[in-house]
Amino acid sequence: MLFKPFAFLALAIGAIANEAPAPAPRTNAEALARGLPASPPVPTQSDPSPDFVKTCSWYRIDLSWGRPTLSAVCKDNRGRDQYSQLNLNRCINLTDDGQLACGPGGFTGRSRRERGDLEGAMLKARHGNYGGGRRSRCTDCKSSADTIECSCPIRDGGRIDASYTLGACISNNNGRLTCG
């Protein structure tokens, strides 16, 4: 008689061991009720990440040919990798004191005045030759990590070394690089 209860117990343990695992919880409330951890929220809107470096797995800065470009592979709102490029002259400008700052206007390459448009002519009238020409743009630019370093002109005609960290101005907006 003693053998019968042990046999039943062994069969019950065997059945429990071969049982299929419980299905995954469908909601965080169900997970918490079972004593399981809640899953993180899925982003539903495209709020830009303030610093692209934190959400981009790869990036490259190309400062050649007067058109500085940032190329990157960044995560979108669903966690997928997206390739994006951005002309840095659209996001970074040269201030009167030779510093690089966030904002449109450009810092390398040909200026608007050199292309002969009306806005460039107005800049020349207001600021003299500072508004255009090779001397009024940054030169000898190089990059290190997410920082750009250039030799930039100042109003009195001299030049200074200026640097700018791109993460302060470039954002990842749902996998796309954007200014601001």
N, C-alpha and C. Protein backbone atom coordinates (compact mmCIF):
# COMPACT_ATOMS: atom_id res chain seq x y z
N MET A 1 0.80 -1.19 0.00
CA MET A 1 0.00 0.00 0.00
C MET A 1 0.84 1.26 0.00
N LEU A 2 1.96 1.16 0.61
CA LEU A 2 2.85 2.32 0.67
C LEU A 2 3.36 2.69 -0.71
N PHE A 3 3.46 1.75 -1.58
CA PHE A 3 3.98 1.97 -2.93
C PHE A 3 3.03 2.83 -3.76
N LYS A 4 1.71 2.66 -3.59
CA LYS A 4 0.72 3.36 -4.39
C LYS A 4 0.81 4.89 -4.25
N PRO A 5 0.88 5.47 -3.04
CA PRO A 5 0.97 6.94 -2.94
C PRO A 5 2.26 7.49 -3.56
N PHE A 6 3.36 6.76 -3.41
CA PHE A 6 4.61 7.25 -4.01
C PHE A 6 4.56 7.21 -5.53
N ALA A 7 3.92 6.19 -6.07
CA ALA A 7 3.78 6.10 -7.53
C ALA A 7 2.94 7.25 -8.04
N PHE A 8 1.85 7.56 -7.33
CA PHE A 8 1.00 8.68 -7.72
C PHE A 8 1.77 10.00 -7.66
N LEU A 9 2.54 10.19 -6.60
CA LEU A 9 3.34 11.40 -6.44
C LEU A 9 4.38 11.52 -7.55
N ALA A 10 5.02 10.42 -7.92
CA ALA A 10 6.01 10.44 -9.00
C ALA A 10 5.35 10.78 -10.32
N LEU A 11 4.17 10.23 -10.57
CA LEU A 11 3.43 10.55 -11.80
C LEU A 11 3.03 12.03 -11.83
N ALA A 12 2.61 12.57 -10.71
CA ALA A 12 2.20 13.98 -10.65
C ALA A 12 3.39 14.90 -10.90
N ILE A 13 4.53 14.59 -10.32
CA ILE A 13 5.73 15.40 -10.54
C ILE A 13 6.16 15.32 -11.99
N GLY A 14 6.10 14.15 -12.59
CA GLY A 14 6.45 13.98 -14.00
C GLY A 14 5.53 14.79 -14.91
N ALA A 15 4.25 14.83 -14.60
CA ALA A 15 3.29 15.58 -15.42
C ALA A 15 3.56 17.07 -15.31
N ILE A 16 3.88 17.54 -14.12
CA ILE A 16 4.19 18.96 -13.93
C ILE A 16 5.46 19.34 -14.68
N ALA A 17 6.46 18.46 -14.65
CA ALA A 17 7.73 18.75 -15.32
C ALA A 17 7.57 18.82 -16.83
N ASN A 18 6.66 18.02 -17.41
CA ASN A 18 6.46 18.01 -18.86
C ASN A 18 5.43 19.03 -19.33
N GLU A 19 4.85 19.77 -18.42
CA GLU A 19 3.81 20.73 -18.77
C GLU A 19 4.41 21.89 -19.57
N ALA A 20 3.67 22.42 -20.52
CA ALA A 20 4.13 23.55 -21.34
C ALA A 20 4.22 24.80 -20.47
N PRO A 21 5.17 25.68 -20.78
CA PRO A 21 5.30 26.90 -19.98
C PRO A 21 4.08 27.80 -20.17
N ALA A 22 3.82 28.59 -19.16
CA ALA A 22 2.68 29.51 -19.22
C ALA A 22 2.92 30.55 -20.32
N PRO A 23 1.86 30.98 -20.99
CA PRO A 23 2.04 31.98 -22.05
C PRO A 23 2.54 33.30 -21.46
N ALA A 24 3.23 34.05 -22.28
CA ALA A 24 3.77 35.34 -21.84
C ALA A 24 2.61 36.28 -21.52
N PRO A 25 2.78 37.13 -20.52
CA PRO A 25 1.71 38.07 -20.18
C PRO A 25 1.48 39.06 -21.32
N ARG A 26 0.19 39.43 -21.52
CA ARG A 26 -0.16 40.36 -22.59
C ARG A 26 -0.10 41.81 -22.14
N THR A 27 -0.23 42.06 -20.86
CA THR A 27 -0.19 43.43 -20.34
C THR A 27 0.76 43.51 -19.16
N ASN A 28 1.16 44.73 -18.81
CA ASN A 28 2.01 44.90 -17.63
C ASN A 28 1.27 44.53 -16.36
N ALA A 29 -0.04 44.77 -16.31
CA ALA A 29 -0.82 44.41 -15.13
C ALA A 29 -0.81 42.89 -14.93
N GLU A 30 -0.95 42.13 -16.02
CA GLU A 30 -0.92 40.67 -15.95
C GLU A 30 0.46 40.19 -15.50
N ALA A 31 1.51 40.82 -16.00
CA ALA A 31 2.87 40.44 -15.61
C ALA A 31 3.10 40.69 -14.13
N LEU A 32 2.67 41.85 -13.65
CA LEU A 32 2.85 42.17 -12.23
C LEU A 32 2.03 41.24 -11.34
N ALA A 33 0.84 40.83 -11.79
CA ALA A 33 0.01 39.91 -11.01
C ALA A 33 0.68 38.54 -10.88
N ARG A 34 1.45 38.14 -11.89
CA ARG A 34 2.17 36.85 -11.85
C ARG A 34 3.53 36.97 -11.16
N GLY A 35 3.90 38.18 -10.76
CA GLY A 35 5.20 38.37 -10.12
C GLY A 35 6.34 38.51 -11.12
N LEU A 36 6.01 38.83 -12.38
CA LEU A 36 7.02 39.00 -13.42
C LEU A 36 7.31 40.49 -13.61
N PRO A 37 8.48 40.84 -14.16
CA PRO A 37 8.77 42.26 -14.37
C PRO A 37 7.92 42.84 -15.50
N ALA A 38 7.59 44.12 -15.37
CA ALA A 38 6.83 44.82 -16.42
C ALA A 38 7.77 45.16 -17.57
N SER A 39 7.23 45.18 -18.78
CA SER A 39 8.06 45.53 -19.94
C SER A 39 8.16 47.05 -20.06
N PRO A 40 9.28 47.56 -20.62
CA PRO A 40 9.44 49.00 -20.75
C PRO A 40 8.45 49.56 -21.77
N PRO A 41 8.06 50.83 -21.61
CA PRO A 41 7.11 51.42 -22.56
C PRO A 41 7.74 51.57 -23.94
N VAL A 42 6.92 51.44 -24.97
CA VAL A 42 7.36 51.62 -26.35
C VAL A 42 7.12 53.07 -26.72
N PRO A 43 8.15 53.78 -27.23
CA PRO A 43 7.92 55.18 -27.60
C PRO A 43 6.89 55.28 -28.73
N THR A 44 5.98 56.24 -28.59
CA THR A 44 4.94 56.39 -29.60
C THR A 44 5.05 57.70 -30.36
N GLN A 45 5.84 58.62 -29.88
CA GLN A 45 6.00 59.87 -30.61
C GLN A 45 7.45 60.06 -30.99
N SER A 46 7.70 60.99 -31.88
CA SER A 46 9.06 61.16 -32.40
C SER A 46 9.78 62.32 -31.73
N ASP A 47 9.90 62.26 -30.41
CA ASP A 47 10.66 63.29 -29.72
C ASP A 47 12.13 63.12 -30.05
N PRO A 48 12.80 64.19 -30.50
CA PRO A 48 14.21 64.06 -30.84
C PRO A 48 15.06 63.76 -29.61
N SER A 49 16.04 62.91 -29.77
CA SER A 49 17.02 62.69 -28.72
C SER A 49 17.97 63.88 -28.78
N PRO A 50 18.20 64.58 -27.66
CA PRO A 50 18.98 65.80 -27.71
C PRO A 50 20.42 65.61 -28.17
N ASP A 51 20.96 64.45 -28.02
CA ASP A 51 22.34 64.21 -28.43
C ASP A 51 22.36 62.96 -29.31
N PHE A 52 22.62 63.14 -30.60
CA PHE A 52 22.56 62.02 -31.54
C PHE A 52 23.52 60.90 -31.17
N VAL A 53 24.63 61.21 -30.51
CA VAL A 53 25.65 60.20 -30.19
C VAL A 53 25.07 59.09 -29.31
N LYS A 54 24.10 59.42 -28.47
CA LYS A 54 23.53 58.43 -27.55
C LYS A 54 22.64 57.41 -28.25
N THR A 55 22.09 57.76 -29.42
CA THR A 55 21.15 56.85 -30.08
C THR A 55 21.62 56.42 -31.47
N CYS A 56 22.81 56.78 -31.84
CA CYS A 56 23.35 56.38 -33.14
C CYS A 56 24.52 55.42 -32.92
N SER A 57 24.47 54.27 -33.56
CA SER A 57 25.49 53.24 -33.34
C SER A 57 26.77 53.51 -34.13
N TRP A 58 26.67 54.29 -35.18
CA TRP A 58 27.83 54.60 -36.02
C TRP A 58 27.63 55.99 -36.60
N TYR A 59 28.71 56.77 -36.68
CA TYR A 59 28.63 58.05 -37.37
C TYR A 59 30.00 58.41 -37.92
N ARG A 60 29.98 59.28 -38.95
CA ARG A 60 31.21 59.73 -39.59
C ARG A 60 31.04 61.19 -39.98
N ILE A 61 32.08 61.98 -39.75
CA ILE A 61 32.08 63.39 -40.12
C ILE A 61 33.01 63.55 -41.31
N ASP A 62 32.48 64.08 -42.41
CA ASP A 62 33.27 64.32 -43.62
C ASP A 62 33.38 65.83 -43.82
N LEU A 63 34.58 66.36 -43.71
CA LEU A 63 34.79 67.81 -43.80
C LEU A 63 35.42 68.21 -45.13
N SER A 64 35.34 67.38 -46.13
CA SER A 64 35.98 67.69 -47.41
C SER A 64 35.07 68.47 -48.34
N TRP A 65 35.65 69.13 -49.30
CA TRP A 65 34.97 69.81 -50.40
C TRP A 65 34.04 70.93 -49.97
N GLY A 66 34.27 71.54 -48.83
CA GLY A 66 33.46 72.68 -48.43
C GLY A 66 32.02 72.37 -48.08
N ARG A 67 31.68 71.11 -48.01
CA ARG A 67 30.33 70.72 -47.60
C ARG A 67 30.45 69.70 -46.48
N PRO A 68 30.56 70.17 -45.25
CA PRO A 68 30.72 69.24 -44.13
C PRO A 68 29.45 68.41 -43.93
N THR A 69 29.63 67.11 -43.86
CA THR A 69 28.49 66.20 -43.78
C THR A 69 28.66 65.25 -42.60
N LEU A 70 27.57 65.05 -41.89
CA LEU A 70 27.51 64.04 -40.84
C LEU A 70 26.66 62.89 -41.37
N SER A 71 27.23 61.70 -41.42
CA SER A 71 26.50 60.48 -41.81
C SER A 71 26.40 59.60 -40.57
N ALA A 72 25.25 58.97 -40.38
CA ALA A 72 25.07 58.16 -39.17
C ALA A 72 24.04 57.06 -39.39
N VAL A 73 24.14 56.03 -38.54
CA VAL A 73 23.12 54.99 -38.44
C VAL A 73 22.51 55.15 -37.05
N CYS A 74 21.22 55.54 -37.03
CA CYS A 74 20.56 55.87 -35.77
C CYS A 74 19.30 55.03 -35.59
N LYS A 75 18.90 54.86 -34.35
CA LYS A 75 17.69 54.11 -34.03
C LYS A 75 16.46 54.99 -34.26
N ASP A 76 15.41 54.38 -34.85
CA ASP A 76 14.14 55.08 -34.95
C ASP A 76 13.30 54.74 -33.72
N ASN A 77 12.04 55.21 -33.69
CA ASN A 77 11.19 55.00 -32.52
C ASN A 77 10.87 53.53 -32.26
N ARG A 78 11.02 52.68 -33.26
CA ARG A 78 10.75 51.26 -33.08
C ARG A 78 12.02 50.46 -32.83
N GLY A 79 13.16 51.14 -32.68
CA GLY A 79 14.42 50.46 -32.40
C GLY A 79 15.15 49.95 -33.62
N ARG A 80 14.68 50.30 -34.82
CA ARG A 80 15.33 49.86 -36.06
C ARG A 80 16.41 50.86 -36.46
N ASP A 81 17.47 50.36 -37.09
CA ASP A 81 18.55 51.21 -37.58
C ASP A 81 18.13 51.92 -38.86
N GLN A 82 18.43 53.22 -38.93
CA GLN A 82 18.14 54.03 -40.11
C GLN A 82 19.41 54.79 -40.48
N TYR A 83 19.72 54.86 -41.78
CA TYR A 83 20.87 55.62 -42.26
C TYR A 83 20.41 57.05 -42.56
N SER A 84 21.20 58.03 -42.14
CA SER A 84 20.83 59.42 -42.36
C SER A 84 22.08 60.26 -42.62
N GLN A 85 21.93 61.33 -43.40
CA GLN A 85 23.01 62.29 -43.66
C GLN A 85 22.49 63.69 -43.41
N LEU A 86 23.40 64.59 -42.98
CA LEU A 86 23.02 65.96 -42.71
C LEU A 86 24.16 66.89 -43.10
N ASN A 87 23.85 67.94 -43.86
CA ASN A 87 24.82 68.97 -44.20
C ASN A 87 25.00 69.85 -42.97
N LEU A 88 26.19 69.84 -42.37
CA LEU A 88 26.42 70.57 -41.12
C LEU A 88 26.33 72.08 -41.29
N ASN A 89 26.50 72.59 -42.52
CA ASN A 89 26.34 74.03 -42.74
C ASN A 89 24.90 74.48 -42.48
N ARG A 90 23.95 73.56 -42.45
CA ARG A 90 22.56 73.90 -42.14
C ARG A 90 22.33 74.03 -40.65
N CYS A 91 23.25 73.51 -39.84
CA CYS A 91 23.04 73.47 -38.39
C CYS A 91 24.04 74.30 -37.59
N ILE A 92 25.16 74.61 -38.18
CA ILE A 92 26.22 75.31 -37.45
C ILE A 92 26.57 76.58 -38.20
N ASN A 93 26.71 77.69 -37.46
CA ASN A 93 27.09 78.94 -38.11
C ASN A 93 28.33 79.53 -37.46
N LEU A 94 28.88 80.50 -38.12
CA LEU A 94 30.07 81.21 -37.67
C LEU A 94 29.64 82.54 -37.10
N THR A 95 30.00 82.81 -35.84
CA THR A 95 29.64 84.09 -35.22
C THR A 95 30.68 85.15 -35.56
N ASP A 96 30.36 86.42 -35.27
CA ASP A 96 31.28 87.52 -35.56
C ASP A 96 32.60 87.40 -34.81
N ASP A 97 32.59 86.74 -33.65
CA ASP A 97 33.83 86.62 -32.89
C ASP A 97 34.59 85.33 -33.20
N GLY A 98 34.22 84.66 -34.31
CA GLY A 98 34.97 83.49 -34.76
C GLY A 98 34.59 82.18 -34.11
N GLN A 99 33.52 82.16 -33.37
CA GLN A 99 33.09 80.93 -32.71
C GLN A 99 32.09 80.18 -33.57
N LEU A 100 31.99 78.89 -33.35
CA LEU A 100 30.99 78.05 -34.01
C LEU A 100 29.80 77.92 -33.07
N ALA A 101 28.59 78.10 -33.61
CA ALA A 101 27.39 78.07 -32.78
C ALA A 101 26.28 77.30 -33.49
N CYS A 102 25.31 76.86 -32.71
CA CYS A 102 24.16 76.15 -33.27
C CYS A 102 23.27 77.15 -34.01
N GLY A 103 22.91 76.81 -35.23
CA GLY A 103 22.03 77.65 -36.03
C GLY A 103 22.42 77.62 -37.48
N PRO A 104 21.48 77.93 -38.38
CA PRO A 104 21.79 77.90 -39.81
C PRO A 104 22.73 79.03 -40.20
N GLY A 105 23.37 78.89 -41.31
CA GLY A 105 24.25 79.94 -41.80
C GLY A 105 25.54 79.41 -42.36
N GLY A 106 26.01 78.31 -41.85
CA GLY A 106 27.22 77.70 -42.38
C GLY A 106 28.49 78.23 -41.76
N PHE A 107 29.55 77.45 -41.94
CA PHE A 107 30.86 77.84 -41.42
C PHE A 107 31.98 77.49 -42.37
N THR A 108 31.73 76.68 -43.40
CA THR A 108 32.75 76.35 -44.40
C THR A 108 32.16 76.49 -45.78
N GLY A 109 32.99 76.35 -46.78
CA GLY A 109 32.51 76.36 -48.15
C GLY A 109 32.20 77.76 -48.65
N ARG A 110 31.53 77.81 -49.79
CA ARG A 110 31.20 79.10 -50.39
C ARG A 110 30.08 79.77 -49.62
N SER A 111 30.19 81.07 -49.47
CA SER A 111 29.14 81.82 -48.79
C SER A 111 28.06 82.20 -49.78
N ARG A 112 26.95 82.70 -49.28
CA ARG A 112 25.88 83.14 -50.17
C ARG A 112 26.32 84.30 -51.03
N ARG A 113 27.14 85.19 -50.49
CA ARG A 113 27.58 86.35 -51.26
C ARG A 113 28.38 85.92 -52.46
N GLU A 114 29.16 84.88 -52.32
CA GLU A 114 29.96 84.40 -53.44
C GLU A 114 29.08 83.84 -54.55
N ARG A 115 27.89 83.37 -54.22
CA ARG A 115 26.98 82.84 -55.24
C ARG A 115 26.20 83.96 -55.91
N GLY A 116 26.26 85.18 -55.35
CA GLY A 116 25.63 86.33 -55.99
C GLY A 116 24.16 86.52 -55.68
N ASP A 117 23.64 86.01 -54.56
CA ASP A 117 22.23 86.24 -54.29
C ASP A 117 22.01 87.54 -53.52
N LEU A 118 20.78 87.99 -53.42
CA LEU A 118 20.44 89.27 -52.82
C LEU A 118 20.79 89.30 -51.33
N GLU A 119 20.51 88.22 -50.61
CA GLU A 119 20.81 88.19 -49.18
C GLU A 119 22.31 88.36 -48.94
N GLY A 120 23.13 87.71 -49.76
CA GLY A 120 24.58 87.86 -49.64
C GLY A 120 25.03 89.29 -49.90
N ALA A 121 24.43 89.94 -50.89
CA ALA A 121 24.78 91.34 -51.18
C ALA A 121 24.40 92.24 -50.02
N MET A 122 23.27 91.96 -49.37
CA MET A 122 22.87 92.76 -48.22
C MET A 122 23.83 92.54 -47.05
N LEU A 123 24.29 91.31 -46.87
CA LEU A 123 25.28 91.05 -45.82
C LEU A 123 26.56 91.82 -46.07
N LYS A 124 26.99 91.88 -47.32
CA LYS A 124 28.21 92.61 -47.66
C LYS A 124 28.04 94.09 -47.36
N ALA A 125 26.89 94.65 -47.70
CA ALA A 125 26.64 96.06 -47.44
C ALA A 125 26.62 96.35 -45.94
N ARG A 126 26.09 95.43 -45.16
CA ARG A 126 25.99 95.63 -43.72
C ARG A 126 27.29 95.34 -42.99
N HIS A 127 28.04 94.33 -43.43
CA HIS A 127 29.22 93.88 -42.69
C HIS A 127 30.52 94.05 -43.45
N GLY A 128 30.52 94.72 -44.56
CA GLY A 128 31.74 94.83 -45.35
C GLY A 128 32.07 93.48 -45.94
N ASN A 129 33.34 93.19 -46.13
CA ASN A 129 33.76 91.94 -46.75
C ASN A 129 33.62 90.74 -45.83
N TYR A 130 33.28 90.97 -44.56
CA TYR A 130 33.17 89.85 -43.64
C TYR A 130 32.09 88.87 -44.07
N GLY A 131 31.07 89.33 -44.78
CA GLY A 131 29.94 88.48 -45.15
C GLY A 131 30.25 87.45 -46.20
N GLY A 132 31.42 87.43 -46.82
CA GLY A 132 31.67 86.43 -47.85
C GLY A 132 33.14 86.33 -48.17
N GLY A 133 33.49 85.44 -49.06
CA GLY A 133 34.88 85.26 -49.44
C GLY A 133 35.57 84.21 -48.61
N ARG A 134 36.69 83.74 -49.09
CA ARG A 134 37.43 82.66 -48.44
C ARG A 134 37.89 83.04 -47.04
N ARG A 135 38.28 84.30 -46.85
CA ARG A 135 38.79 84.70 -45.54
C ARG A 135 37.69 84.70 -44.47
N SER A 136 36.42 84.77 -44.88
CA SER A 136 35.35 84.86 -43.89
C SER A 136 34.78 83.49 -43.51
N ARG A 137 35.36 82.42 -43.97
CA ARG A 137 34.87 81.09 -43.66
C ARG A 137 35.94 80.33 -42.88
N CYS A 138 35.51 79.35 -42.13
CA CYS A 138 36.45 78.52 -41.38
C CYS A 138 37.21 77.62 -42.35
N THR A 139 38.47 77.38 -42.04
CA THR A 139 39.32 76.52 -42.86
C THR A 139 40.06 75.53 -41.96
N ASP A 140 40.79 74.64 -42.58
CA ASP A 140 41.61 73.65 -41.86
C ASP A 140 40.80 72.90 -40.80
N CYS A 141 39.58 72.52 -41.15
CA CYS A 141 38.71 71.83 -40.20
C CYS A 141 39.10 70.36 -40.08
N LYS A 142 38.98 69.84 -38.88
CA LYS A 142 39.21 68.42 -38.62
C LYS A 142 38.22 67.99 -37.55
N SER A 143 38.04 66.68 -37.45
CA SER A 143 37.10 66.17 -36.46
C SER A 143 37.79 65.18 -35.53
N SER A 144 37.28 65.14 -34.32
CA SER A 144 37.75 64.19 -33.32
C SER A 144 36.52 63.76 -32.53
N ALA A 145 36.19 62.49 -32.62
CA ALA A 145 34.94 61.96 -32.02
C ALA A 145 33.77 62.75 -32.58
N ASP A 146 32.99 63.44 -31.73
CA ASP A 146 31.85 64.22 -32.23
C ASP A 146 32.12 65.73 -32.15
N THR A 147 33.40 66.11 -32.22
CA THR A 147 33.78 67.52 -32.14
C THR A 147 34.47 67.96 -33.42
N ILE A 148 34.12 69.16 -33.88
CA ILE A 148 34.76 69.77 -35.04
C ILE A 148 35.70 70.86 -34.54
N GLU A 149 36.89 70.92 -35.11
CA GLU A 149 37.86 71.98 -34.78
C GLU A 149 38.28 72.64 -36.08
N CYS A 150 38.23 73.99 -36.11
CA CYS A 150 38.56 74.75 -37.33
C CYS A 150 39.33 76.01 -36.97
N SER A 151 39.97 76.57 -37.97
CA SER A 151 40.55 77.91 -37.88
C SER A 151 39.52 78.86 -38.47
N CYS A 152 38.99 79.76 -37.64
CA CYS A 152 37.87 80.61 -38.07
C CYS A 152 38.24 82.09 -37.98
N PRO A 153 37.68 82.90 -38.90
CA PRO A 153 37.99 84.33 -38.91
C PRO A 153 37.25 85.09 -37.82
N ILE A 154 37.87 86.18 -37.37
CA ILE A 154 37.20 87.10 -36.45
C ILE A 154 37.06 88.44 -37.17
N ARG A 155 36.23 89.30 -36.65
CA ARG A 155 35.85 90.54 -37.32
C ARG A 155 37.04 91.43 -37.66
N ASP A 156 38.06 91.47 -36.82
CA ASP A 156 39.18 92.39 -37.07
C ASP A 156 40.15 91.88 -38.13
N GLY A 157 39.85 90.73 -38.72
CA GLY A 157 40.70 90.20 -39.78
C GLY A 157 41.60 89.06 -39.35
N GLY A 158 41.72 88.81 -38.06
CA GLY A 158 42.55 87.70 -37.59
C GLY A 158 41.78 86.38 -37.65
N ARG A 159 42.38 85.36 -37.10
CA ARG A 159 41.75 84.04 -37.06
C ARG A 159 41.98 83.45 -35.67
N ILE A 160 41.06 82.60 -35.25
CA ILE A 160 41.21 81.88 -33.99
C ILE A 160 40.86 80.41 -34.22
N ASP A 161 41.31 79.56 -33.32
CA ASP A 161 40.92 78.15 -33.35
C ASP A 161 39.60 78.02 -32.61
N ALA A 162 38.63 77.41 -33.27
CA ALA A 162 37.31 77.23 -32.68
C ALA A 162 36.95 75.75 -32.72
N SER A 163 36.20 75.31 -31.72
CA SER A 163 35.73 73.92 -31.72
C SER A 163 34.26 73.90 -31.35
N TYR A 164 33.59 72.83 -31.78
CA TYR A 164 32.16 72.71 -31.51
C TYR A 164 31.81 71.23 -31.38
N THR A 165 31.08 70.89 -30.33
CA THR A 165 30.61 69.53 -30.12
C THR A 165 29.25 69.37 -30.79
N LEU A 166 29.17 68.45 -31.74
CA LEU A 166 27.96 68.30 -32.55
C LEU A 166 26.74 67.88 -31.74
N GLY A 167 26.95 67.12 -30.68
CA GLY A 167 25.82 66.67 -29.87
C GLY A 167 25.02 67.80 -29.26
N ALA A 168 25.61 69.00 -29.17
CA ALA A 168 24.89 70.15 -28.62
C ALA A 168 23.87 70.70 -29.61
N CYS A 169 23.97 70.32 -30.88
CA CYS A 169 23.12 70.93 -31.91
C CYS A 169 22.41 69.91 -32.80
N ILE A 170 22.92 68.71 -32.90
CA ILE A 170 22.37 67.70 -33.80
C ILE A 170 21.57 66.68 -33.00
N SER A 171 20.36 66.38 -33.46
CA SER A 171 19.47 65.44 -32.78
C SER A 171 19.13 64.26 -33.69
N ASN A 172 18.72 63.17 -33.06
CA ASN A 172 18.16 62.03 -33.78
C ASN A 172 16.65 62.12 -33.63
N ASN A 173 15.95 62.35 -34.73
CA ASN A 173 14.50 62.45 -34.71
C ASN A 173 13.92 61.26 -35.49
N ASN A 174 13.59 60.20 -34.77
CA ASN A 174 13.02 58.98 -35.35
C ASN A 174 13.93 58.40 -36.44
N GLY A 175 15.24 58.37 -36.17
CA GLY A 175 16.19 57.78 -37.10
C GLY A 175 16.77 58.76 -38.10
N ARG A 176 16.32 60.01 -38.08
CA ARG A 176 16.83 61.04 -38.99
C ARG A 176 17.62 62.08 -38.23
N LEU A 177 18.79 62.46 -38.75
CA LEU A 177 19.57 63.53 -38.15
C LEU A 177 18.89 64.86 -38.45
N THR A 178 18.74 65.69 -37.42
CA THR A 178 18.12 67.00 -37.59
C THR A 178 18.88 68.05 -36.80
N CYS A 179 18.71 69.30 -37.19
CA CYS A 179 19.32 70.42 -36.47
C CYS A 179 18.46 70.73 -35.24
N GLY A 180 19.14 71.11 -34.17
CA GLY A 180 18.42 71.60 -32.99
C GLY A 180 18.17 70.63 -31.93
